[in-house]
Structures are given as C-alpha cells and as structure tokens.
C-alpha atoms as a PDB file:
ATOM      1  CA  MET A   1      28.945 -42.498  12.972  1.00  0.00           C
ATOM      2  CA  SER A   2      32.109 -43.436  13.466  1.00  0.00           C
ATOM      3  CA  THR A   3      34.761 -41.079  16.287  1.00  0.00           C
ATOM      4  CA  SER A   4      36.770 -40.367  13.139  1.00  0.00           C
ATOM      5  CA  VAL A   5      34.333 -39.460  11.169  1.00  0.00           C
ATOM      6  CA  LEU A   6      33.218 -37.262  13.239  1.00  0.00           C
ATOM      7  CA  ASN A   7      36.272 -35.748  14.125  1.00  0.00           C
ATOM      8  CA  ASN A   8      36.879 -35.233  10.693  1.00  0.00           C
ATOM      9  CA  LEU A   9      33.392 -33.718   9.917  1.00  0.00           C
ATOM     10  CA  LEU A  10      34.199 -31.097  12.988  1.00  0.00           C
ATOM     11  CA  GLU A  11      37.833 -30.380  11.608  1.00  0.00           C
ATOM     12  CA  TYR A  12      36.164 -29.358   7.657  1.00  0.00           C
ATOM     13  CA  LEU A  13      33.464 -27.333  10.269  1.00  0.00           C
ATOM     14  CA  TYR A  14      36.090 -25.940  11.933  1.00  0.00           C
ATOM     15  CA  GLY A  15      38.503 -24.777   8.792  1.00  0.00           C
ATOM     16  CA  THR A  16      35.572 -22.634   6.719  1.00  0.00           C
ATOM     17  CA  LEU A  17      33.478 -21.413   9.144  1.00  0.00           C
ATOM     18  CA  THR A  18      33.333 -17.928  11.370  1.00  0.00           C
ATOM     19  CA  PRO A  19      32.014 -18.230  14.805  1.00  0.00           C
ATOM     20  CA  ASN A  20      28.973 -17.362  13.739  1.00  0.00           C
ATOM     21  CA  ASN A  21      28.087 -19.722  10.839  1.00  0.00           C
ATOM     22  CA  MET A  22      29.088 -21.768  14.041  1.00  0.00           C
ATOM     23  CA  ARG A  23      26.905 -20.839  16.730  1.00  0.00           C
ATOM     24  CA  TRP A  24      24.250 -21.325  14.201  1.00  0.00           C
ATOM     25  CA  VAL A  25      24.639 -24.763  13.414  1.00  0.00           C
ATOM     26  CA  ALA A  26      25.323 -25.645  17.275  1.00  0.00           C
ATOM     27  CA  ASN A  27      21.555 -23.837  17.620  1.00  0.00           C
ATOM     28  CA  HIS A  28      20.131 -25.262  15.073  1.00  0.00           C
ATOM     29  CA  LEU A  29      22.151 -28.891  16.150  1.00  0.00           C
ATOM     30  CA  MET A  30      21.140 -28.486  18.900  1.00  0.00           C
ATOM     31  CA  GLU A  31      16.977 -27.360  18.148  1.00  0.00           C
ATOM     32  CA  HIS A  32      17.135 -30.971  16.151  1.00  0.00           C
ATOM     33  CA  ALA A  33      18.656 -33.031  19.067  1.00  0.00           C
ATOM     34  CA  ASP A  34      15.991 -31.738  20.922  1.00  0.00           C
ATOM     35  CA  GLN A  35      13.172 -32.658  18.896  1.00  0.00           C
ATOM     36  CA  MET A  36      14.585 -36.226  17.861  1.00  0.00           C
ATOM     37  CA  GLU A  37      14.405 -37.251  21.947  1.00  0.00           C
ATOM     38  CA  GLU A  38      11.129 -36.128  21.860  1.00  0.00           C
ATOM     39  CA  ALA A  39      10.460 -38.315  19.671  1.00  0.00           C
ATOM     40  CA  PRO A  40      12.034 -41.384  19.555  1.00  0.00           C
ATOM     41  CA  LEU A  41      12.611 -43.858  16.671  1.00  0.00           C
ATOM     42  CA  LYS A  42       9.868 -46.765  15.834  1.00  0.00           C
ATOM     43  CA  PRO A  43      11.992 -49.809  16.032  1.00  0.00           C
ATOM     44  CA  TYR A  44      12.504 -52.655  12.714  1.00  0.00           C
ATOM     45  CA  THR A  45      11.348 -55.512  12.580  1.00  0.00           C
ATOM     46  CA  MET A  46      13.501 -57.617  11.138  1.00  0.00           C
ATOM     47  CA  GLU A  47      10.761 -58.609   8.048  1.00  0.00           C
ATOM     48  CA  GLU A  48      10.798 -54.914   7.673  1.00  0.00           C
ATOM     49  CA  ILE A  49      14.542 -54.241   7.590  1.00  0.00           C
ATOM     50  CA  ASN A  50      15.312 -57.001   5.498  1.00  0.00           C
ATOM     51  CA  ALA A  51      12.336 -55.969   2.623  1.00  0.00           C
ATOM     52  CA  MET A  52      14.015 -52.401   2.714  1.00  0.00           C
ATOM     53  CA  LEU A  53      17.399 -54.383   2.068  1.00  0.00           C
ATOM     54  CA  ASP A  54      15.777 -56.149  -0.766  1.00  0.00           C
ATOM     55  CA  LYS A  55      14.431 -52.902  -2.338  1.00  0.00           C
ATOM     56  CA  ALA A  56      17.763 -51.358  -2.307  1.00  0.00           C
ATOM     57  CA  GLU A  57      19.237 -54.043  -4.122  1.00  0.00           C
ATOM     58  CA  LYS A  58      16.685 -54.291  -6.444  1.00  0.00           C
ATOM     59  CA  ASP A  59      17.279 -50.137  -7.063  1.00  0.00           C
ATOM     60  CA  PHE A  60      21.143 -50.416  -6.910  1.00  0.00           C
ATOM     61  CA  ASP A  61      20.512 -53.276  -9.438  1.00  0.00           C
ATOM     62  CA  ALA A  62      17.800 -51.400 -12.226  1.00  0.00           C
ATOM     63  CA  GLY A  63      20.536 -48.158 -11.245  1.00  0.00           C
ATOM     64  CA  LEU A  64      18.625 -46.045  -9.609  1.00  0.00           C
ATOM     65  CA  GLY A  65      20.273 -43.716  -7.487  1.00  0.00           C
ATOM     66  CA  ILE A  66      22.276 -40.813  -7.194  1.00  0.00           C
ATOM     67  CA  PRO A  67      26.372 -40.944  -7.572  1.00  0.00           C
ATOM     68  CA  ASP A  68      27.819 -40.898  -3.768  1.00  0.00           C
ATOM     69  CA  GLU A  69      30.337 -37.757  -6.036  1.00  0.00           C
ATOM     70  CA  GLU A  70      27.393 -36.861  -6.836  1.00  0.00           C
ATOM     71  CA  VAL A  71      25.426 -36.353  -3.341  1.00  0.00           C
ATOM     72  CA  TRP A  72      28.244 -35.359  -1.607  1.00  0.00           C
ATOM     73  CA  ARG A  73      28.824 -32.373  -4.420  1.00  0.00           C
ATOM     74  CA  GLU A  74      24.723 -31.499  -3.634  1.00  0.00           C
ATOM     75  CA  ILE A  75      25.195 -31.249   0.453  1.00  0.00           C
ATOM     76  CA  ASP A  76      28.078 -29.128  -0.448  1.00  0.00           C
ATOM     77  CA  GLU A  77      26.780 -26.627  -2.751  1.00  0.00           C
ATOM     78  CA  MET A  78      23.624 -26.511  -0.426  1.00  0.00           C
ATOM     79  CA  PHE A  79      25.755 -26.342   2.726  1.00  0.00           C
ATOM     80  CA  HIS A  80      27.976 -23.129   0.818  1.00  0.00           C
ATOM     81  CA  SER A  81      24.377 -20.999  -0.281  1.00  0.00           C
ATOM     82  CA  GLU A  82      22.821 -21.402   3.209  1.00  0.00           C
ATOM     83  CA  ILE A  83      25.910 -20.109   5.233  1.00  0.00           C
ATOM     84  CA  ALA A  84      25.877 -17.005   2.523  1.00  0.00           C
ATOM     85  CA  GLU A  85      22.711 -16.454   2.843  1.00  0.00           C
ATOM     86  CA  THR A  86      23.200 -17.144   7.098  1.00  0.00           C
ATOM     87  CA  VAL A  87      25.942 -13.957   6.141  1.00  0.00           C
END
C-alpha cells in the first residue's frame, strides 16, 4: 500500500475515532502484526500467480465478484458497528 493511501487512511481514522477507539485499533494492529511476523508468507511460483490471475479474469468475465462501492460500504458498516461495540 502506498504512503499516500496509508496517510489518507490515518487522516480518516483521526477524524472518526475517539482516543479510546484509536488505542483499541492500535493494540489490535500490533497484535496482528506480531502474529504475522511469526508466520512468514509462502512465496508463490509464477505458475501459481498466473493461475490465480486466470481464475480472477474468468470470474470477472462471468460477472462474479462484488463491486468496489459495495465492498467499501460493507467495510464502513463493519468498522462502525465494531466501534460502537467497544464504546
């Protein structure tokens, strides 16, 4: 993810979260980062990557998937409902 996208995400969070919510998110991100460091990612071969791309293209051509706007709406709803539960 680019620095500009990360900065925009931070600005969004700064504007929407309370200090307690920020601490909650920070703690969960740190815990998750620690877990990810313990389990390194498996490298993919070019054949595996090409197969994943082929499948994604077939799914797209078949009209499968979720439109971008719907994904962001769902993320926003999930994010706001989780924040409401912690307050």
